Amino acid sequence: TVNIMHGMYTTCDHIDHPHFYIAMNRAKVIPGKKVIMGRAYFVMEDVPIVFPFVPFGFFPLFSGPQSGFVVPSFGEDGQRGFYLRGGGYYFTFNDYVDLSLTGGIYTLGSWELQAQSQYLKRYKYSGSLSLNYAKNIFGEKEDTDYSHSNQFSVTWRHPHDAQENPGPRFPASTTFSSPREGTHNPHSGQKTTPGYANTRKSS
């Protein structure tokens, strides 16, 4: 076990100076199993949020990919208002298949949903399948330029692993989308001819 005083617990990628973390007064770490801590509080961008504080806590430690919540991002869109976007849940079924379900909402009424799955067969193939749907509302009903639209897209990519056979290749990329998809939806992937499927193959 490892005993810690005045430590931090974070999932931020910036280890040297994390953007957010839980400041722990005292903690005990059992490597590969769990973290047990005493009084702690949250710190965001170097700003301590002392109240409310956590009197004690427990964190299990796991190795490898894990399922969990995806934290949304906050911002502003010039036509759709303020938003919370990209939040949802990530599922890892095994070492070969995963699934991400995310969405977003806007203050002027727009919303969007995304589902993306990646698969991998080592030395054989890998690929991804994504589905996107968005209801876009621009402006308010009282405005003369008020408009709304429904957009969707389906994208499938299936690249070939060159390590299996360095000679022939058979990658494929197919996208089907509604008109103007990708104009306002940042998750839709590549742009295509409105209302038509776009398929590419090579060998």
Protein backbone atom coordinates (compact mmCIF):
# COMPACT_ATOMS: atom_id res chain seq x y z
CA THR A 1 0.00 0.00 0.00
CA VAL A 2 0.97 3.65 -0.51
CA ASN A 3 0.01 6.35 2.00
CA ILE A 4 -0.45 9.84 0.52
CA MET A 5 -0.84 13.26 2.12
CA HIS A 6 -2.08 16.28 0.11
CA GLY A 7 -2.38 14.36 -3.16
CA MET A 8 -4.68 14.62 -6.15
CA TYR A 9 -6.87 12.18 -8.11
CA THR A 10 -7.61 13.00 -11.76
CA THR A 11 -8.49 11.49 -15.12
CA CYS A 12 -7.11 14.49 -17.04
CA ASP A 13 -4.47 13.75 -19.69
CA HIS A 14 -2.26 16.62 -18.50
CA ILE A 15 -0.52 14.81 -15.66
CA ASP A 16 1.98 17.57 -14.81
CA HIS A 17 -0.71 20.25 -14.51
CA PRO A 18 -4.21 18.72 -14.74
CA HIS A 19 -7.19 20.90 -15.64
CA PHE A 20 -9.31 19.30 -12.92
CA TYR A 21 -8.72 16.97 -10.00
CA ILE A 22 -9.89 15.92 -6.57
CA ALA A 23 -7.58 17.32 -3.89
CA MET A 24 -7.15 14.71 -1.15
CA ASN A 25 -6.05 15.51 2.37
CA ARG A 26 -5.04 11.90 3.08
CA ALA A 27 -5.37 8.75 1.02
CA LYS A 28 -4.28 5.13 0.90
CA VAL A 29 -3.62 3.46 -2.45
CA ILE A 30 -3.65 -0.28 -3.05
CA PRO A 31 -2.12 -0.50 -6.55
CA GLY A 32 -4.36 -2.19 -9.09
CA LYS A 33 -7.27 -2.41 -6.64
CA LYS A 34 -8.55 0.77 -5.00
CA VAL A 35 -7.98 4.23 -3.53
CA ILE A 36 -9.42 5.14 -0.12
CA MET A 37 -9.35 8.82 0.80
CA GLY A 38 -10.37 11.07 3.64
CA ARG A 39 -11.65 14.65 3.36
CA ALA A 40 -11.37 15.99 -0.21
CA TYR A 41 -12.67 18.75 -2.49
CA PHE A 42 -12.84 19.43 -6.22
CA VAL A 43 -10.44 21.76 -8.10
CA MET A 44 -11.29 23.12 -11.58
CA GLU A 45 -8.70 25.15 -13.55
CA ASP A 46 -6.71 25.77 -10.34
CA VAL A 47 -9.82 27.15 -8.60
CA PRO A 48 -10.63 25.13 -5.45
CA ILE A 49 -14.33 24.40 -4.86
CA VAL A 50 -14.07 23.90 -1.12
CA PHE A 51 -17.81 23.62 -0.49
CA PRO A 52 -19.32 21.14 -0.64
CA PHE A 53 -16.40 18.90 0.32
CA VAL A 54 -16.35 15.11 0.36
CA PRO A 55 -15.86 13.65 3.86
CA PHE A 56 -14.44 10.39 2.48
CA GLY A 57 -14.26 8.53 -0.83
CA PHE A 58 -13.47 5.26 -2.53
CA PHE A 59 -12.24 4.72 -6.11
CA PRO A 60 -11.71 1.31 -7.70
CA LEU A 61 -8.63 1.03 -9.94
CA PHE A 62 -8.83 -0.90 -13.19
CA SER A 63 -6.47 -1.44 -16.09
CA GLY A 64 -7.51 -1.39 -19.73
CA PRO A 65 -10.51 0.33 -21.35
CA GLN A 66 -13.55 0.89 -19.16
CA SER A 67 -17.14 1.96 -19.73
CA GLY A 68 -18.16 5.31 -18.30
CA PHE A 69 -19.81 8.68 -18.74
CA VAL A 70 -18.56 11.17 -21.34
CA VAL A 71 -18.41 14.74 -20.03
CA PRO A 72 -20.11 17.24 -22.39
CA SER A 73 -18.48 20.44 -23.60
CA PHE A 74 -20.06 23.86 -23.10
CA GLY A 75 -20.03 26.64 -25.66
CA GLU A 76 -22.02 28.96 -27.89
CA ASP A 77 -23.25 28.62 -31.47
CA GLY A 78 -24.03 31.84 -33.33
CA GLN A 79 -27.29 30.46 -34.77
CA ARG A 80 -28.44 27.88 -32.24
CA GLY A 81 -27.48 29.47 -28.93
CA PHE A 82 -25.56 28.09 -25.97
CA TYR A 83 -25.05 24.34 -25.90
CA LEU A 84 -23.99 21.28 -23.96
CA ARG A 85 -22.56 18.94 -26.60
CA GLY A 86 -20.75 15.62 -26.74
CA GLY A 87 -22.04 14.20 -23.44
CA GLY A 88 -23.22 10.62 -23.08
CA TYR A 89 -21.93 7.17 -22.24
CA TYR A 90 -19.11 5.00 -23.57
CA PHE A 91 -19.50 1.20 -23.62
CA THR A 92 -16.52 -1.13 -23.98
CA PHE A 93 -17.81 -4.64 -24.59
CA ASN A 94 -14.42 -6.32 -25.06
CA ASP A 95 -11.05 -5.71 -26.71
CA TYR A 96 -12.61 -5.76 -30.17
CA VAL A 97 -15.86 -3.74 -30.10
CA ASP A 98 -16.98 -0.53 -28.38
CA LEU A 99 -19.91 1.86 -28.61
CA SER A 100 -20.27 5.56 -27.85
CA LEU A 101 -23.71 7.19 -27.40
CA THR A 102 -23.56 10.97 -27.16
CA GLY A 103 -25.80 13.95 -27.75
CA GLY A 104 -26.20 17.66 -27.37
CA ILE A 105 -28.83 20.31 -26.63
CA TYR A 106 -29.02 24.01 -27.52
CA THR A 107 -30.86 26.86 -25.81
CA LEU A 108 -32.84 27.75 -28.96
CA GLY A 109 -34.34 24.26 -29.22
CA SER A 110 -31.91 22.32 -31.41
CA TRP A 111 -30.68 18.88 -30.36
CA GLU A 112 -28.53 16.08 -31.77
CA LEU A 113 -27.73 12.42 -31.18
CA GLN A 114 -24.70 10.38 -32.22
CA ALA A 115 -23.91 6.67 -32.05
CA GLN A 116 -20.46 5.45 -33.03
CA SER A 117 -19.01 1.96 -32.84
CA GLN A 118 -15.48 0.80 -33.64
CA TYR A 119 -14.40 -2.77 -34.24
CA LEU A 120 -11.01 -4.42 -34.63
CA LYS A 121 -9.73 -7.82 -35.65
CA ARG A 122 -5.96 -7.69 -35.28
CA TYR A 123 -4.01 -8.37 -38.48
CA LYS A 124 -7.34 -8.71 -40.34
CA TYR A 125 -9.42 -5.55 -40.46
CA SER A 126 -10.76 -2.65 -38.45
CA GLY A 127 -13.52 -0.18 -38.99
CA SER A 128 -16.17 2.12 -37.61
CA LEU A 129 -19.87 2.74 -38.02
CA SER A 130 -21.46 6.05 -37.03
CA LEU A 131 -25.04 7.30 -37.08
CA ASN A 132 -25.93 10.95 -36.56
CA TYR A 133 -29.28 12.70 -36.26
CA ALA A 134 -29.87 16.36 -35.57
CA LYS A 135 -32.87 18.70 -35.38
CA ASN A 136 -31.63 22.20 -36.09
CA ILE A 137 -33.66 25.27 -35.20
CA PHE A 138 -32.24 28.63 -36.28
CA GLY A 139 -33.48 31.81 -34.67
CA GLU A 140 -36.74 32.28 -32.79
CA LYS A 141 -40.27 31.86 -34.17
CA GLU A 142 -40.86 35.59 -34.11
CA ASP A 143 -37.85 36.22 -36.37
CA THR A 144 -38.26 36.58 -40.14
CA ASP A 145 -35.26 34.29 -40.79
CA TYR A 146 -36.56 31.50 -38.52
CA SER A 147 -36.04 28.01 -39.97
CA HIS A 148 -35.71 24.40 -38.85
CA SER A 149 -34.48 21.19 -40.46
CA ASN A 150 -33.82 17.54 -39.72
CA GLN A 151 -30.46 16.10 -40.73
CA PHE A 152 -29.02 12.62 -40.56
CA SER A 153 -26.01 10.68 -41.78
CA VAL A 154 -24.73 7.11 -41.73
CA THR A 155 -21.01 6.49 -42.24
CA TRP A 156 -19.19 3.15 -42.47
CA ARG A 157 -15.43 2.81 -42.85
CA HIS A 158 -13.69 -0.52 -43.25
CA PRO A 159 -9.93 -0.23 -43.88
CA HIS A 160 -7.87 -3.32 -44.59
CA ASP A 161 -4.91 -4.21 -42.35
CA ALA A 162 -1.79 -4.29 -44.54
CA GLN A 163 -0.04 -6.64 -42.09
CA GLU A 164 -2.34 -9.50 -43.09
CA ASN A 165 -1.45 -9.32 -46.77
CA PRO A 166 0.86 -6.51 -47.95
CA GLY A 167 -0.24 -6.93 -51.58
CA PRO A 168 -3.95 -6.46 -52.34
CA ARG A 169 -6.05 -4.02 -50.35
CA PHE A 170 -9.81 -3.68 -50.08
CA PRO A 171 -10.71 -0.63 -47.98
CA ALA A 172 -14.24 0.74 -48.17
CA SER A 173 -15.87 3.97 -47.06
CA THR A 174 -19.59 4.59 -47.44
CA THR A 175 -21.59 7.62 -46.36
CA PHE A 176 -25.28 8.37 -46.78
CA SER A 177 -26.60 11.69 -45.58
CA SER A 178 -29.50 14.09 -45.84
CA PRO A 179 -29.15 17.41 -47.73
CA ARG A 180 -26.71 19.87 -46.13
CA GLU A 181 -25.61 17.34 -43.52
CA GLY A 182 -22.25 18.37 -42.12
CA THR A 183 -22.96 22.08 -42.49
CA HIS A 184 -23.99 22.48 -38.84
CA ASN A 185 -23.41 19.02 -37.38
CA PRO A 186 -19.70 18.66 -36.45
CA HIS A 187 -20.01 14.91 -35.79
CA SER A 188 -21.32 13.88 -39.17
CA GLY A 189 -17.97 13.13 -40.79
CA GLN A 190 -17.26 13.79 -44.47
CA LYS A 191 -19.61 15.75 -46.73
CA THR A 192 -21.38 13.99 -49.58
CA THR A 193 -23.79 14.74 -52.38
CA PRO A 194 -27.15 15.54 -50.73
CA GLY A 195 -29.46 12.57 -50.44
CA TYR A 196 -27.11 10.09 -52.09
CA ALA A 197 -24.72 7.42 -50.88
CA ASN A 198 -21.05 7.96 -51.49
CA THR A 199 -19.06 4.71 -51.66
CA ARG A 200 -15.33 4.32 -52.25
CA LYS A 201 -13.37 1.11 -52.73
CA SER A 202 -9.84 0.41 -53.83
CA SER A 203 -7.67 -2.62 -54.45
